Amino acid sequence: MTQPFRVLIVDDHKHAREGIRTILELDPAFAIVAEAQNGREAMELTDRYMPDMILMDIHMPEMDGLEATKWIKDKYPYIKIVMVTVSDDITHLFEALKKGAQGYLLKNLHPEEWHHYLRAVAVDEAPLSRELALRILHEFSQHKEPAAVQTPLTAREQEILGLVAKGMSNRDIAGRLDISEHTVKNHLKNILHKLHLDNRVQLARYAFEKGMIKK
């Protein structure tokens, strides 16, 4: 990242916003452009400041983070949204990801973990957690049989897609396939372009929907 990633913080608790601000100010890769107290303010400030990334609380008055995430991603699909929560309740997090969020952070993580994860999200390299991968698999296995695999992807791209869906990072995939991380990144760019998708969560859903991943 040559320019700081512009961030909007959304949380209804003042101390939580101050804590997030303190963490981000330790890393020059991020610049805070505004803060919002609820989803409705988040929508207004997104229109005004056009941030690169939004750190979004889930439970807020007036409009919660789930509804705000859907509205923002529908209007600005390129803005990255990371849910920030005190709970690792996978139900709410999965709902947020279905509405377009790129990932999530627990508020009690060490600042270095925040920096590492948000930098990965910024360049579309944040892996899925195993829990989310399993939740996506369960969601699709409950509702329908896998569709016949009709995909524009090459055999190698399908192989990489399967590893992404299992929650593997670019480095892990490179090691597994004995190729460079740069090669993995290029494959992922091609895969996203061919499938008209935006992030790893959507890639995982595609893989499970097409029956490329089994329990």
C-alpha atoms as a PDB file:
ATOM      1  CA  MET A   1       0.000   0.000   0.000  1.00  0.00           C
ATOM      2  CA  THR A   2       1.676   3.219  -1.139  1.00  0.00           C
ATOM      3  CA  GLN A   3      -0.997   5.515   0.312  1.00  0.00           C
ATOM      4  CA  PRO A   4      -2.594   5.097   3.756  1.00  0.00           C
ATOM      5  CA  PHE A   5      -5.782   3.059   3.718  1.00  0.00           C
ATOM      6  CA  ARG A   6      -8.609   5.460   4.639  1.00  0.00           C
ATOM      7  CA  VAL A   7     -10.770   4.026   7.435  1.00  0.00           C
ATOM      8  CA  LEU A   8     -14.220   4.802   8.842  1.00  0.00           C
ATOM      9  CA  ILE A   9     -14.815   3.531  12.413  1.00  0.00           C
ATOM     10  CA  VAL A  10     -18.407   2.609  13.337  1.00  0.00           C
ATOM     11  CA  ASP A  11     -19.313   1.766  16.952  1.00  0.00           C
ATOM     12  CA  ASP A  12     -21.965   3.077  19.324  1.00  0.00           C
ATOM     13  CA  HIS A  13     -19.578   3.106  22.308  1.00  0.00           C
ATOM     14  CA  LYS A  14     -17.201   6.053  22.595  1.00  0.00           C
ATOM     15  CA  HIS A  15     -14.534   4.065  24.448  1.00  0.00           C
ATOM     16  CA  ALA A  16     -14.618   1.344  21.789  1.00  0.00           C
ATOM     17  CA  ARG A  17     -14.079   3.946  19.046  1.00  0.00           C
ATOM     18  CA  GLU A  18     -11.210   5.466  21.025  1.00  0.00           C
ATOM     19  CA  GLY A  19      -9.649   2.028  21.455  1.00  0.00           C
ATOM     20  CA  ILE A  20      -9.876   1.259  17.751  1.00  0.00           C
ATOM     21  CA  ARG A  21      -8.470   4.678  16.892  1.00  0.00           C
ATOM     22  CA  THR A  22      -5.515   4.106  19.233  1.00  0.00           C
ATOM     23  CA  ILE A  23      -4.750   0.757  17.614  1.00  0.00           C
ATOM     24  CA  LEU A  24      -4.911   2.094  14.050  1.00  0.00           C
ATOM     25  CA  GLU A  25      -2.820   5.161  14.845  1.00  0.00           C
ATOM     26  CA  LEU A  26       0.061   2.815  15.673  1.00  0.00           C
ATOM     27  CA  ASP A  27       0.220   1.707  12.036  1.00  0.00           C
ATOM     28  CA  PRO A  28       1.019   4.293   9.307  1.00  0.00           C
ATOM     29  CA  ALA A  29      -0.732   2.079   6.740  1.00  0.00           C
ATOM     30  CA  PHE A  30      -4.079   3.401   8.018  1.00  0.00           C
ATOM     31  CA  ALA A  31      -5.611   6.865   8.274  1.00  0.00           C
ATOM     32  CA  ILE A  32      -8.916   7.433  10.088  1.00  0.00           C
ATOM     33  CA  VAL A  33     -11.203   9.746   8.116  1.00  0.00           C
ATOM     34  CA  ALA A  34     -14.313   9.691  10.334  1.00  0.00           C
ATOM     35  CA  GLU A  35     -16.217   7.959  13.146  1.00  0.00           C
ATOM     36  CA  ALA A  36     -19.902   6.993  13.324  1.00  0.00           C
ATOM     37  CA  GLN A  37     -22.135   5.952  16.236  1.00  0.00           C
ATOM     38  CA  ASN A  38     -24.580   3.750  14.299  1.00  0.00           C
ATOM     39  CA  GLY A  39     -25.340   2.291  10.906  1.00  0.00           C
ATOM     40  CA  ARG A  40     -27.296   5.305   9.712  1.00  0.00           C
ATOM     41  CA  GLU A  41     -24.395   7.655  10.442  1.00  0.00           C
ATOM     42  CA  ALA A  42     -22.098   5.149   8.753  1.00  0.00           C
ATOM     43  CA  MET A  43     -24.131   5.403   5.553  1.00  0.00           C
ATOM     44  CA  GLU A  44     -24.029   9.210   5.620  1.00  0.00           C
ATOM     45  CA  LEU A  45     -20.290   9.365   6.341  1.00  0.00           C
ATOM     46  CA  THR A  46     -19.540   6.776   3.671  1.00  0.00           C
ATOM     47  CA  ASP A  47     -21.265   8.996   1.108  1.00  0.00           C
ATOM     48  CA  ARG A  48     -19.280  11.987   2.356  1.00  0.00           C
ATOM     49  CA  TYR A  49     -15.791  10.546   2.797  1.00  0.00           C
ATOM     50  CA  MET A  50     -15.707   7.463   0.529  1.00  0.00           C
ATOM     51  CA  PRO A  51     -13.399   5.432   2.803  1.00  0.00           C
ATOM     52  CA  ASP A  52     -11.363   2.473   1.585  1.00  0.00           C
ATOM     53  CA  MET A  53     -12.325   0.381   4.602  1.00  0.00           C
ATOM     54  CA  ILE A  54     -15.011   0.419   7.297  1.00  0.00           C
ATOM     55  CA  LEU A  55     -14.609  -1.183  10.729  1.00  0.00           C
ATOM     56  CA  MET A  56     -18.220  -1.963  11.631  1.00  0.00           C
ATOM     57  CA  ASP A  57     -19.726  -2.951  14.977  1.00  0.00           C
ATOM     58  CA  ILE A  58     -22.690  -5.347  14.703  1.00  0.00           C
ATOM     59  CA  HIS A  59     -25.099  -4.362  17.488  1.00  0.00           C
ATOM     60  CA  MET A  60     -25.971  -0.639  17.408  1.00  0.00           C
ATOM     61  CA  PRO A  61     -29.097   1.508  17.928  1.00  0.00           C
ATOM     62  CA  GLU A  62     -31.133   3.058  15.076  1.00  0.00           C
ATOM     63  CA  MET A  63     -29.500   0.815  12.459  1.00  0.00           C
ATOM     64  CA  ASP A  64     -27.280  -2.163  13.183  1.00  0.00           C
ATOM     65  CA  GLY A  65     -24.095  -3.103  11.399  1.00  0.00           C
ATOM     66  CA  LEU A  66     -25.705  -5.856   9.329  1.00  0.00           C
ATOM     67  CA  GLU A  67     -28.231  -3.550   7.673  1.00  0.00           C
ATOM     68  CA  ALA A  68     -25.636  -0.818   7.160  1.00  0.00           C
ATOM     69  CA  THR A  69     -23.197  -3.303   5.634  1.00  0.00           C
ATOM     70  CA  LYS A  70     -25.760  -4.450   3.068  1.00  0.00           C
ATOM     71  CA  TRP A  71     -26.650  -0.880   2.092  1.00  0.00           C
ATOM     72  CA  ILE A  72     -23.027   0.211   1.756  1.00  0.00           C
ATOM     73  CA  LYS A  73     -21.896  -2.874  -0.172  1.00  0.00           C
ATOM     74  CA  ASP A  74     -24.853  -2.585  -2.563  1.00  0.00           C
ATOM     75  CA  LYS A  75     -23.913   1.026  -3.333  1.00  0.00           C
ATOM     76  CA  TYR A  76     -20.119   0.818  -2.992  1.00  0.00           C
ATOM     77  CA  PRO A  77     -19.069  -2.824  -3.545  1.00  0.00           C
ATOM     78  CA  TYR A  78     -15.373  -1.906  -3.632  1.00  0.00           C
ATOM     79  CA  ILE A  79     -15.337  -0.598  -0.033  1.00  0.00           C
ATOM     80  CA  LYS A  80     -13.971  -3.238   2.317  1.00  0.00           C
ATOM     81  CA  ILE A  81     -15.990  -3.837   5.481  1.00  0.00           C
ATOM     82  CA  VAL A  82     -14.612  -5.665   8.514  1.00  0.00           C
ATOM     83  CA  MET A  83     -16.968  -6.484  11.379  1.00  0.00           C
ATOM     84  CA  VAL A  84     -15.540  -5.663  14.811  1.00  0.00           C
ATOM     85  CA  THR A  85     -17.156  -7.499  17.729  1.00  0.00           C
ATOM     86  CA  VAL A  86     -16.623  -8.639  21.314  1.00  0.00           C
ATOM     87  CA  SER A  87     -18.206 -11.998  20.497  1.00  0.00           C
ATOM     88  CA  ASP A  88     -17.141 -14.739  18.119  1.00  0.00           C
ATOM     89  CA  ASP A  89     -20.798 -15.755  17.629  1.00  0.00           C
ATOM     90  CA  ILE A  90     -20.510 -17.225  14.171  1.00  0.00           C
ATOM     91  CA  THR A  91     -24.205 -16.696  13.362  1.00  0.00           C
ATOM     92  CA  HIS A  92     -24.066 -12.894  13.239  1.00  0.00           C
ATOM     93  CA  LEU A  93     -20.652 -12.902  11.613  1.00  0.00           C
ATOM     94  CA  PHE A  94     -21.795 -15.262   8.892  1.00  0.00           C
ATOM     95  CA  GLU A  95     -24.829 -13.059   8.210  1.00  0.00           C
ATOM     96  CA  ALA A  96     -22.517 -10.051   7.861  1.00  0.00           C
ATOM     97  CA  LEU A  97     -20.296 -11.926   5.429  1.00  0.00           C
ATOM     98  CA  LYS A  98     -23.325 -12.927   3.357  1.00  0.00           C
ATOM     99  CA  LYS A  99     -24.181  -9.236   3.124  1.00  0.00           C
ATOM    100  CA  GLY A 100     -20.743  -8.490   1.696  1.00  0.00           C
ATOM    101  CA  ALA A 101     -18.334  -7.973   4.604  1.00  0.00           C
ATOM    102  CA  GLN A 102     -14.746  -9.109   3.985  1.00  0.00           C
ATOM    103  CA  GLY A 103     -14.028 -10.465   7.456  1.00  0.00           C
ATOM    104  CA  TYR A 104     -14.134  -9.823  11.176  1.00  0.00           C
ATOM    105  CA  LEU A 105     -11.969  -8.906  14.151  1.00  0.00           C
ATOM    106  CA  LEU A 106     -12.459  -9.571  17.848  1.00  0.00           C
ATOM    107  CA  LYS A 107     -11.997  -6.459  19.982  1.00  0.00           C
ATOM    108  CA  ASN A 108      -9.752  -8.237  22.482  1.00  0.00           C
ATOM    109  CA  LEU A 109      -7.043  -9.141  19.956  1.00  0.00           C
ATOM    110  CA  HIS A 110      -3.545  -7.703  20.319  1.00  0.00           C
ATOM    111  CA  PRO A 111      -2.913  -4.555  18.198  1.00  0.00           C
ATOM    112  CA  GLU A 112      -0.314  -6.387  16.092  1.00  0.00           C
ATOM    113  CA  GLU A 113      -2.939  -8.956  15.149  1.00  0.00           C
ATOM    114  CA  TRP A 114      -5.249  -6.137  14.080  1.00  0.00           C
ATOM    115  CA  HIS A 115      -2.539  -4.604  11.909  1.00  0.00           C
ATOM    116  CA  HIS A 116      -1.599  -7.927  10.317  1.00  0.00           C
ATOM    117  CA  TYR A 117      -5.203  -8.858   9.567  1.00  0.00           C
ATOM    118  CA  LEU A 118      -6.319  -5.448   8.260  1.00  0.00           C
ATOM    119  CA  ARG A 119      -3.268  -5.192   6.006  1.00  0.00           C
ATOM    120  CA  ALA A 120      -4.201  -8.605   4.588  1.00  0.00           C
ATOM    121  CA  VAL A 121      -7.806  -7.486   4.034  1.00  0.00           C
ATOM    122  CA  ALA A 122      -6.579  -4.320   2.316  1.00  0.00           C
ATOM    123  CA  VAL A 123      -4.808  -6.361  -0.364  1.00  0.00           C
ATOM    124  CA  ASP A 124      -7.422  -9.161  -0.487  1.00  0.00           C
ATOM    125  CA  GLU A 125      -5.196 -11.747   1.174  1.00  0.00           C
ATOM    126  CA  ALA A 126      -7.003 -12.384   4.470  1.00  0.00           C
ATOM    127  CA  PRO A 127      -7.805 -16.109   4.718  1.00  0.00           C
ATOM    128  CA  LEU A 128     -11.126 -17.488   5.926  1.00  0.00           C
ATOM    129  CA  SER A 129     -11.188 -18.951   9.390  1.00  0.00           C
ATOM    130  CA  ARG A 130     -11.850 -22.684   9.599  1.00  0.00           C
ATOM    131  CA  GLU A 131     -15.103 -21.955  11.453  1.00  0.00           C
ATOM    132  CA  LEU A 132     -16.403 -19.740   8.651  1.00  0.00           C
ATOM    133  CA  ALA A 133     -15.382 -22.238   5.981  1.00  0.00           C
ATOM    134  CA  LEU A 134     -17.321 -24.967   7.787  1.00  0.00           C
ATOM    135  CA  ARG A 135     -20.318 -22.669   8.261  1.00  0.00           C
ATOM    136  CA  ILE A 136     -20.446 -21.878   4.547  1.00  0.00           C
ATOM    137  CA  LEU A 137     -20.201 -25.586   3.726  1.00  0.00           C
ATOM    138  CA  HIS A 138     -23.014 -26.377   6.171  1.00  0.00           C
ATOM    139  CA  GLU A 139     -25.211 -23.608   4.730  1.00  0.00           C
ATOM    140  CA  PHE A 140     -25.052 -25.019   1.220  1.00  0.00           C
ATOM    141  CA  SER A 141     -25.228 -28.694   2.165  1.00  0.00           C
ATOM    142  CA  GLN A 142     -28.446 -27.999   4.120  1.00  0.00           C
ATOM    143  CA  HIS A 143     -30.344 -26.356   1.286  1.00  0.00           C
ATOM    144  CA  LYS A 144     -29.437 -28.008  -1.980  1.00  0.00           C
ATOM    145  CA  GLU A 145     -27.440 -30.571  -3.802  1.00  0.00           C
ATOM    146  CA  PRO A 146     -24.226 -29.324  -5.418  1.00  0.00           C
ATOM    147  CA  ALA A 147     -24.705 -28.044  -8.952  1.00  0.00           C
ATOM    148  CA  ALA A 148     -22.947 -29.726 -11.830  1.00  0.00           C
ATOM    149  CA  VAL A 149     -19.518 -28.179 -12.126  1.00  0.00           C
ATOM    150  CA  GLN A 150     -19.599 -25.827 -15.076  1.00  0.00           C
ATOM    151  CA  THR A 151     -16.862 -23.305 -14.558  1.00  0.00           C
ATOM    152  CA  PRO A 152     -14.541 -21.159 -16.685  1.00  0.00           C
ATOM    153  CA  LEU A 153     -11.648 -22.010 -14.370  1.00  0.00           C
ATOM    154  CA  THR A 154      -8.668 -24.106 -15.361  1.00  0.00           C
ATOM    155  CA  ALA A 155      -7.786 -27.238 -13.387  1.00  0.00           C
ATOM    156  CA  ARG A 156      -5.056 -25.325 -11.514  1.00  0.00           C
ATOM    157  CA  GLU A 157      -7.430 -22.458 -10.722  1.00  0.00           C
ATOM    158  CA  GLN A 158     -10.016 -24.924  -9.395  1.00  0.00           C
ATOM    159  CA  GLU A 159      -7.315 -26.482  -7.220  1.00  0.00           C
ATOM    160  CA  ILE A 160      -6.377 -23.085  -5.770  1.00  0.00           C
ATOM    161  CA  LEU A 161     -10.038 -22.171  -5.294  1.00  0.00           C
ATOM    162  CA  GLY A 162     -10.548 -25.340  -3.261  1.00  0.00           C
ATOM    163  CA  LEU A 163      -7.642 -24.466  -0.976  1.00  0.00           C
ATOM    164  CA  VAL A 164      -8.932 -20.910  -0.507  1.00  0.00           C
ATOM    165  CA  ALA A 165     -12.324 -22.320   0.486  1.00  0.00           C
ATOM    166  CA  LYS A 166     -10.661 -24.483   3.123  1.00  0.00           C
ATOM    167  CA  GLY A 167      -9.270 -21.352   4.782  1.00  0.00           C
ATOM    168  CA  MET A 168      -5.675 -21.536   3.548  1.00  0.00           C
ATOM    169  CA  SER A 169      -3.592 -18.364   3.178  1.00  0.00           C
ATOM    170  CA  ASN A 170      -1.653 -17.458   0.036  1.00  0.00           C
ATOM    171  CA  ARG A 171       1.549 -18.589   1.745  1.00  0.00           C
ATOM    172  CA  ASP A 172       0.012 -21.937   2.707  1.00  0.00           C
ATOM    173  CA  ILE A 173      -1.272 -22.477  -0.824  1.00  0.00           C
ATOM    174  CA  ALA A 174       2.122 -21.625  -2.301  1.00  0.00           C
ATOM    175  CA  GLY A 175       3.784 -24.154  -0.005  1.00  0.00           C
ATOM    176  CA  ARG A 176       1.221 -26.858  -0.755  1.00  0.00           C
ATOM    177  CA  LEU A 177       1.514 -26.459  -4.531  1.00  0.00           C
ATOM    178  CA  ASP A 178       5.244 -25.642  -4.591  1.00  0.00           C
ATOM    179  CA  ILE A 179       4.728 -22.327  -6.376  1.00  0.00           C
ATOM    180  CA  SER A 180       5.475 -18.723  -5.376  1.00  0.00           C
ATOM    181  CA  GLU A 181       3.097 -16.484  -3.459  1.00  0.00           C
ATOM    182  CA  HIS A 182       3.200 -14.103  -6.411  1.00  0.00           C
ATOM    183  CA  THR A 183       1.900 -16.886  -8.652  1.00  0.00           C
ATOM    184  CA  VAL A 184      -0.893 -17.624  -6.179  1.00  0.00           C
ATOM    185  CA  LYS A 185      -1.873 -13.932  -6.139  1.00  0.00           C
ATOM    186  CA  ASN A 186      -2.023 -13.823  -9.931  1.00  0.00           C
ATOM    187  CA  HIS A 187      -4.149 -16.956 -10.035  1.00  0.00           C
ATOM    188  CA  LEU A 188      -6.537 -15.456  -7.492  1.00  0.00           C
ATOM    189  CA  LYS A 189      -6.853 -12.245  -9.504  1.00  0.00           C
ATOM    190  CA  ASN A 190      -7.733 -14.293 -12.576  1.00  0.00           C
ATOM    191  CA  ILE A 191     -10.215 -16.420 -10.634  1.00  0.00           C
ATOM    192  CA  LEU A 192     -12.000 -13.376  -9.180  1.00  0.00           C
ATOM    193  CA  HIS A 193     -12.128 -11.752 -12.615  1.00  0.00           C
ATOM    194  CA  LYS A 194     -13.475 -14.846 -14.365  1.00  0.00           C
ATOM    195  CA  LEU A 195     -16.174 -15.429 -11.738  1.00  0.00           C
ATOM    196  CA  HIS A 196     -17.053 -11.725 -11.312  1.00  0.00           C
ATOM    197  CA  LEU A 197     -16.538 -12.001  -7.551  1.00  0.00           C
ATOM    198  CA  ASP A 198     -14.923  -9.624  -5.053  1.00  0.00           C
ATOM    199  CA  ASN A 199     -13.408 -11.554  -2.158  1.00  0.00           C
ATOM    200  CA  ARG A 200     -12.420 -14.879  -0.594  1.00  0.00           C
ATOM    201  CA  VAL A 201     -15.742 -15.359   1.180  1.00  0.00           C
ATOM    202  CA  GLN A 202     -17.570 -15.206  -2.138  1.00  0.00           C
ATOM    203  CA  LEU A 203     -15.009 -17.581  -3.639  1.00  0.00           C
ATOM    204  CA  ALA A 204     -15.639 -20.064  -0.833  1.00  0.00           C
ATOM    205  CA  ARG A 205     -19.392 -19.892  -1.358  1.00  0.00           C
ATOM    206  CA  TYR A 206     -18.905 -20.476  -5.079  1.00  0.00           C
ATOM    207  CA  ALA A 207     -16.723 -23.526  -4.406  1.00  0.00           C
ATOM    208  CA  PHE A 208     -19.217 -25.052  -1.999  1.00  0.00           C
ATOM    209  CA  GLU A 209     -22.173 -24.235  -4.252  1.00  0.00           C
ATOM    210  CA  LYS A 210     -20.495 -25.989  -7.167  1.00  0.00           C
ATOM    211  CA  GLY A 211     -19.739 -29.027  -5.032  1.00  0.00           C
ATOM    212  CA  MET A 212     -15.972 -28.543  -5.271  1.00  0.00           C
ATOM    213  CA  ILE A 213     -15.532 -29.016  -1.507  1.00  0.00           C
ATOM    214  CA  LYS A 214     -16.731 -32.009   0.450  1.00  0.00           C
ATOM    215  CA  LYS A 215     -17.181 -32.537   4.183  1.00  0.00           C
END
